[in-house]
Amino acid sequence: MEITLEQLLGARDARYARQLSLTKAWPDRTLVCVTVVLPGPVKRDARSLKVAEAAVKAVQEVLVPAYKELRDLETGYEGYFLVDGALLDVKKACCEIENEHPYGRLMDLDVLERVGETVVPVSRDRVGEQPRRCLLCDRPARECMRAHTHTFGEIVQTIDKILGFAENP
């Protein structure tokens, strides 16, 4: 099912509110928020569920959460994990998953830091990591997204190959 921009923005606001609530309720734990990186208006399908399942499994194996909350929404899969561990150690572990897992490039494992009355994601550079790379070329992903360097079809085709959904020739 396709979602609208309003639904996407509403989901983003609701996710931020949940992150803020969890960091307030559990100030001594580190929050990891799992989402799936998929372009286009469909945020819940076989692709996103395959990535989400792999992400949840990887996070649970590496970080052993004290609390987890999983949300399978039309606007996209969300997972919230509260773990014991230093903020930057948890970020390093999440970067390792994103870098090493076969589907890691399609996972967004945000580690959230409480700053005053807000929460902000911990950047990869704080743990010595490079920006995430484009799925199709070796440039930083943000550059390609902003410049619309690749077509939607090219991106989807690459995602399908990564996930094993591509048709065999």
C-alpha atoms as a PDB file:
ATOM      1  CA  MET A   1       0.000   0.000   0.000  1.00  0.00           C
ATOM      2  CA  GLU A   2       1.321   3.420  -0.946  1.00  0.00           C
ATOM      3  CA  ILE A   3       1.518   6.052   1.748  1.00  0.00           C
ATOM      4  CA  THR A   4       1.209   9.800   1.400  1.00  0.00           C
ATOM      5  CA  LEU A   5       3.786  12.403   2.306  1.00  0.00           C
ATOM      6  CA  GLU A   6       1.522  13.465   5.192  1.00  0.00           C
ATOM      7  CA  GLN A   7       1.488   9.890   6.523  1.00  0.00           C
ATOM      8  CA  LEU A   8       5.255   9.655   6.218  1.00  0.00           C
ATOM      9  CA  LEU A   9       5.797  12.942   8.049  1.00  0.00           C
ATOM     10  CA  GLY A  10       3.230  11.978  10.694  1.00  0.00           C
ATOM     11  CA  ALA A  11       5.031   8.683  11.267  1.00  0.00           C
ATOM     12  CA  ARG A  12       8.350  10.512  11.592  1.00  0.00           C
ATOM     13  CA  ASP A  13       6.851  12.850  14.211  1.00  0.00           C
ATOM     14  CA  ALA A  14       5.311   9.921  16.107  1.00  0.00           C
ATOM     15  CA  ARG A  15       8.641   8.058  16.031  1.00  0.00           C
ATOM     16  CA  TYR A  16      10.438  11.098  17.433  1.00  0.00           C
ATOM     17  CA  ALA A  17       7.811  11.405  20.202  1.00  0.00           C
ATOM     18  CA  ARG A  18       8.286   7.731  21.074  1.00  0.00           C
ATOM     19  CA  GLN A  19      12.067   8.127  21.134  1.00  0.00           C
ATOM     20  CA  LEU A  20      11.755  11.113  23.441  1.00  0.00           C
ATOM     21  CA  SER A  21       9.362   9.229  25.716  1.00  0.00           C
ATOM     22  CA  LEU A  22      11.618   6.178  25.943  1.00  0.00           C
ATOM     23  CA  THR A  23      14.747   8.217  26.691  1.00  0.00           C
ATOM     24  CA  LYS A  24      12.887  10.051  29.447  1.00  0.00           C
ATOM     25  CA  ALA A  25      11.537   6.824  30.962  1.00  0.00           C
ATOM     26  CA  TRP A  26      14.876   4.951  30.734  1.00  0.00           C
ATOM     27  CA  PRO A  27      17.624   7.588  31.193  1.00  0.00           C
ATOM     28  CA  ASP A  28      20.245   5.001  32.174  1.00  0.00           C
ATOM     29  CA  ARG A  29      19.870   2.923  29.016  1.00  0.00           C
ATOM     30  CA  THR A  30      20.879   3.571  25.418  1.00  0.00           C
ATOM     31  CA  LEU A  31      18.102   3.709  22.824  1.00  0.00           C
ATOM     32  CA  VAL A  32      18.458   2.098  19.409  1.00  0.00           C
ATOM     33  CA  CYS A  33      15.756   2.764  16.841  1.00  0.00           C
ATOM     34  CA  VAL A  34      15.558   0.389  13.875  1.00  0.00           C
ATOM     35  CA  THR A  35      13.948   1.385  10.590  1.00  0.00           C
ATOM     36  CA  VAL A  36      14.266   0.141   7.020  1.00  0.00           C
ATOM     37  CA  VAL A  37      15.801   2.184   4.197  1.00  0.00           C
ATOM     38  CA  LEU A  38      13.480   1.837   1.194  1.00  0.00           C
ATOM     39  CA  PRO A  39      12.797   4.527  -1.396  1.00  0.00           C
ATOM     40  CA  GLY A  40       9.363   5.229  -2.769  1.00  0.00           C
ATOM     41  CA  PRO A  41       5.797   5.398  -1.450  1.00  0.00           C
ATOM     42  CA  VAL A  42       5.512   1.731  -0.341  1.00  0.00           C
ATOM     43  CA  LYS A  43       7.121   1.297   3.056  1.00  0.00           C
ATOM     44  CA  ARG A  44       5.713  -2.096   4.055  1.00  0.00           C
ATOM     45  CA  ASP A  45       6.136  -5.049   1.732  1.00  0.00           C
ATOM     46  CA  ALA A  46       8.074  -8.323   1.495  1.00  0.00           C
ATOM     47  CA  ARG A  47      11.323  -6.393   1.072  1.00  0.00           C
ATOM     48  CA  SER A  48      10.909  -4.201   4.138  1.00  0.00           C
ATOM     49  CA  LEU A  49       9.774  -7.111   6.297  1.00  0.00           C
ATOM     50  CA  LYS A  50      12.784  -9.212   5.255  1.00  0.00           C
ATOM     51  CA  VAL A  51      15.169  -6.383   6.180  1.00  0.00           C
ATOM     52  CA  ALA A  52      13.312  -5.620   9.430  1.00  0.00           C
ATOM     53  CA  GLU A  53      13.411  -9.250  10.536  1.00  0.00           C
ATOM     54  CA  ALA A  54      17.150  -9.429   9.844  1.00  0.00           C
ATOM     55  CA  ALA A  55      17.782  -6.119  11.629  1.00  0.00           C
ATOM     56  CA  VAL A  56      15.850  -7.156  14.744  1.00  0.00           C
ATOM     57  CA  LYS A  57      17.695 -10.476  14.873  1.00  0.00           C
ATOM     58  CA  ALA A  58      21.095  -8.806  14.442  1.00  0.00           C
ATOM     59  CA  VAL A  59      20.435  -6.167  17.101  1.00  0.00           C
ATOM     60  CA  GLN A  60      19.184  -8.751  19.593  1.00  0.00           C
ATOM     61  CA  GLU A  61      22.214 -10.985  19.024  1.00  0.00           C
ATOM     62  CA  VAL A  62      24.773  -8.199  19.405  1.00  0.00           C
ATOM     63  CA  LEU A  63      23.226  -5.884  22.004  1.00  0.00           C
ATOM     64  CA  VAL A  64      20.893  -8.032  24.166  1.00  0.00           C
ATOM     65  CA  PRO A  65      18.158  -5.448  24.841  1.00  0.00           C
ATOM     66  CA  ALA A  66      16.604  -4.931  28.266  1.00  0.00           C
ATOM     67  CA  TYR A  67      13.451  -3.669  26.514  1.00  0.00           C
ATOM     68  CA  LYS A  68      12.144  -3.980  22.985  1.00  0.00           C
ATOM     69  CA  GLU A  69       9.125  -2.638  21.180  1.00  0.00           C
ATOM     70  CA  LEU A  70       8.384  -3.657  17.603  1.00  0.00           C
ATOM     71  CA  ARG A  71       5.899  -1.843  15.366  1.00  0.00           C
ATOM     72  CA  ASP A  72       4.858  -3.218  11.993  1.00  0.00           C
ATOM     73  CA  LEU A  73       3.204  -0.161  10.431  1.00  0.00           C
ATOM     74  CA  GLU A  74       2.031   0.717   6.919  1.00  0.00           C
ATOM     75  CA  THR A  75       4.390   3.701   7.126  1.00  0.00           C
ATOM     76  CA  GLY A  76       7.336   1.408   7.777  1.00  0.00           C
ATOM     77  CA  TYR A  77       8.691  -1.007  10.329  1.00  0.00           C
ATOM     78  CA  GLU A  78      10.008   0.438  13.597  1.00  0.00           C
ATOM     79  CA  GLY A  79      11.924  -1.255  16.377  1.00  0.00           C
ATOM     80  CA  TYR A  80      12.906   0.327  19.679  1.00  0.00           C
ATOM     81  CA  PHE A  81      15.574  -1.306  21.825  1.00  0.00           C
ATOM     82  CA  LEU A  82      16.855  -0.107  25.170  1.00  0.00           C
ATOM     83  CA  VAL A  83      20.230  -1.592  25.959  1.00  0.00           C
ATOM     84  CA  ASP A  84      22.830  -1.429  28.683  1.00  0.00           C
ATOM     85  CA  GLY A  85      26.013   0.001  27.270  1.00  0.00           C
ATOM     86  CA  ALA A  86      27.869   3.214  26.698  1.00  0.00           C
ATOM     87  CA  LEU A  87      26.408   5.386  23.963  1.00  0.00           C
ATOM     88  CA  LEU A  88      29.428   5.271  21.646  1.00  0.00           C
ATOM     89  CA  ASP A  89      30.004   1.535  22.202  1.00  0.00           C
ATOM     90  CA  VAL A  90      26.415   0.881  21.153  1.00  0.00           C
ATOM     91  CA  LYS A  91      26.854   3.137  18.120  1.00  0.00           C
ATOM     92  CA  LYS A  92      29.997   1.221  17.118  1.00  0.00           C
ATOM     93  CA  ALA A  93      28.106  -2.057  17.374  1.00  0.00           C
ATOM     94  CA  CYS A  94      25.257  -0.696  15.237  1.00  0.00           C
ATOM     95  CA  CYS A  95      27.707   0.583  12.612  1.00  0.00           C
ATOM     96  CA  GLU A  96      29.313  -2.860  12.497  1.00  0.00           C
ATOM     97  CA  ILE A  97      25.905  -4.421  11.792  1.00  0.00           C
ATOM     98  CA  GLU A  98      25.157  -1.837   9.090  1.00  0.00           C
ATOM     99  CA  ASN A  99      28.612  -2.351   7.552  1.00  0.00           C
ATOM    100  CA  GLU A 100      28.875  -6.136   7.748  1.00  0.00           C
ATOM    101  CA  HIS A 101      25.375  -7.632   7.478  1.00  0.00           C
ATOM    102  CA  PRO A 102      24.365  -8.596   3.919  1.00  0.00           C
ATOM    103  CA  TYR A 103      21.289  -6.353   4.260  1.00  0.00           C
ATOM    104  CA  GLY A 104      23.053  -3.780   6.428  1.00  0.00           C
ATOM    105  CA  ARG A 105      22.900  -1.006   3.849  1.00  0.00           C
ATOM    106  CA  LEU A 106      19.099  -1.295   3.958  1.00  0.00           C
ATOM    107  CA  MET A 107      18.981  -1.045   7.752  1.00  0.00           C
ATOM    108  CA  ASP A 108      18.930   2.210   9.648  1.00  0.00           C
ATOM    109  CA  LEU A 109      20.119   1.563  13.199  1.00  0.00           C
ATOM    110  CA  ASP A 110      19.945   4.923  14.909  1.00  0.00           C
ATOM    111  CA  VAL A 111      21.449   5.322  18.358  1.00  0.00           C
ATOM    112  CA  LEU A 112      19.708   8.218  20.066  1.00  0.00           C
ATOM    113  CA  GLU A 113      21.262  10.635  22.504  1.00  0.00           C
ATOM    114  CA  ARG A 114      19.285  12.799  24.886  1.00  0.00           C
ATOM    115  CA  VAL A 115      20.324  16.455  24.561  1.00  0.00           C
ATOM    116  CA  GLY A 116      18.312  18.634  26.890  1.00  0.00           C
ATOM    117  CA  GLU A 117      14.665  18.148  26.000  1.00  0.00           C
ATOM    118  CA  THR A 118      15.373  16.591  22.604  1.00  0.00           C
ATOM    119  CA  VAL A 119      16.851  13.411  21.180  1.00  0.00           C
ATOM    120  CA  VAL A 120      19.333  13.365  18.328  1.00  0.00           C
ATOM    121  CA  PRO A 121      20.923  10.504  16.433  1.00  0.00           C
ATOM    122  CA  VAL A 122      24.588   9.862  17.141  1.00  0.00           C
ATOM    123  CA  SER A 123      26.553  10.431  13.935  1.00  0.00           C
ATOM    124  CA  ARG A 124      28.783   7.774  12.446  1.00  0.00           C
ATOM    125  CA  ASP A 125      31.782  10.115  12.517  1.00  0.00           C
ATOM    126  CA  ARG A 126      31.703  10.195  16.329  1.00  0.00           C
ATOM    127  CA  VAL A 127      32.906   6.590  16.283  1.00  0.00           C
ATOM    128  CA  GLY A 128      35.320   7.018  13.384  1.00  0.00           C
ATOM    129  CA  GLU A 129      32.998   5.726  10.669  1.00  0.00           C
ATOM    130  CA  GLN A 130      32.638   7.137   7.174  1.00  0.00           C
ATOM    131  CA  PRO A 131      29.252   8.311   5.878  1.00  0.00           C
ATOM    132  CA  ARG A 132      27.089   5.556   4.423  1.00  0.00           C
ATOM    133  CA  ARG A 133      27.827   4.773   0.795  1.00  0.00           C
ATOM    134  CA  CYS A 134      25.405   4.755  -2.111  1.00  0.00           C
ATOM    135  CA  LEU A 135      23.862   1.413  -3.037  1.00  0.00           C
ATOM    136  CA  LEU A 136      24.934   1.785  -6.650  1.00  0.00           C
ATOM    137  CA  CYS A 137      28.229   3.637  -6.560  1.00  0.00           C
ATOM    138  CA  ASP A 138      30.912   4.435  -4.024  1.00  0.00           C
ATOM    139  CA  ARG A 139      29.876   8.043  -3.376  1.00  0.00           C
ATOM    140  CA  PRO A 140      28.302   9.122  -0.079  1.00  0.00           C
ATOM    141  CA  ALA A 141      24.633   8.125  -0.164  1.00  0.00           C
ATOM    142  CA  ARG A 142      23.424  11.622   0.764  1.00  0.00           C
ATOM    143  CA  GLU A 143      25.127  13.101  -2.307  1.00  0.00           C
ATOM    144  CA  CYS A 144      23.378  10.689  -4.638  1.00  0.00           C
ATOM    145  CA  MET A 145      20.017  11.174  -2.913  1.00  0.00           C
ATOM    146  CA  ARG A 146      20.210  14.973  -3.144  1.00  0.00           C
ATOM    147  CA  ALA A 147      21.382  14.982  -6.756  1.00  0.00           C
ATOM    148  CA  HIS A 148      18.980  12.204  -7.848  1.00  0.00           C
ATOM    149  CA  THR A 149      22.002  10.535  -9.426  1.00  0.00           C
ATOM    150  CA  HIS A 150      20.257   7.179  -9.914  1.00  0.00           C
ATOM    151  CA  THR A 151      16.739   6.371 -11.079  1.00  0.00           C
ATOM    152  CA  PHE A 152      14.136   4.851  -8.806  1.00  0.00           C
ATOM    153  CA  GLY A 153      14.173   1.749 -11.017  1.00  0.00           C
ATOM    154  CA  GLU A 154      17.932   1.329 -10.675  1.00  0.00           C
ATOM    155  CA  ILE A 155      17.705   1.614  -6.904  1.00  0.00           C
ATOM    156  CA  VAL A 156      14.830  -0.878  -6.626  1.00  0.00           C
ATOM    157  CA  GLN A 157      16.624  -3.315  -8.932  1.00  0.00           C
ATOM    158  CA  THR A 158      19.729  -3.144  -6.732  1.00  0.00           C
ATOM    159  CA  ILE A 159      17.666  -3.646  -3.568  1.00  0.00           C
ATOM    160  CA  ASP A 160      15.966  -6.655  -5.158  1.00  0.00           C
ATOM    161  CA  LYS A 161      19.378  -8.156  -5.969  1.00  0.00           C
ATOM    162  CA  ILE A 162      20.616  -7.606  -2.416  1.00  0.00           C
ATOM    163  CA  LEU A 163      17.510  -9.284  -0.976  1.00  0.00           C
ATOM    164  CA  GLY A 164      17.348 -12.116  -3.507  1.00  0.00           C
ATOM    165  CA  PHE A 165      14.132 -10.873  -5.131  1.00  0.00           C
ATOM    166  CA  ALA A 166      15.721 -10.267  -8.547  1.00  0.00           C
ATOM    167  CA  GLU A 167      14.552 -12.487 -11.350  1.00  0.00           C
ATOM    168  CA  ASN A 168      17.092 -15.000 -12.555  1.00  0.00           C
ATOM    169  CA  PRO A 169      18.191 -14.472 -16.181  1.00  0.00           C
END
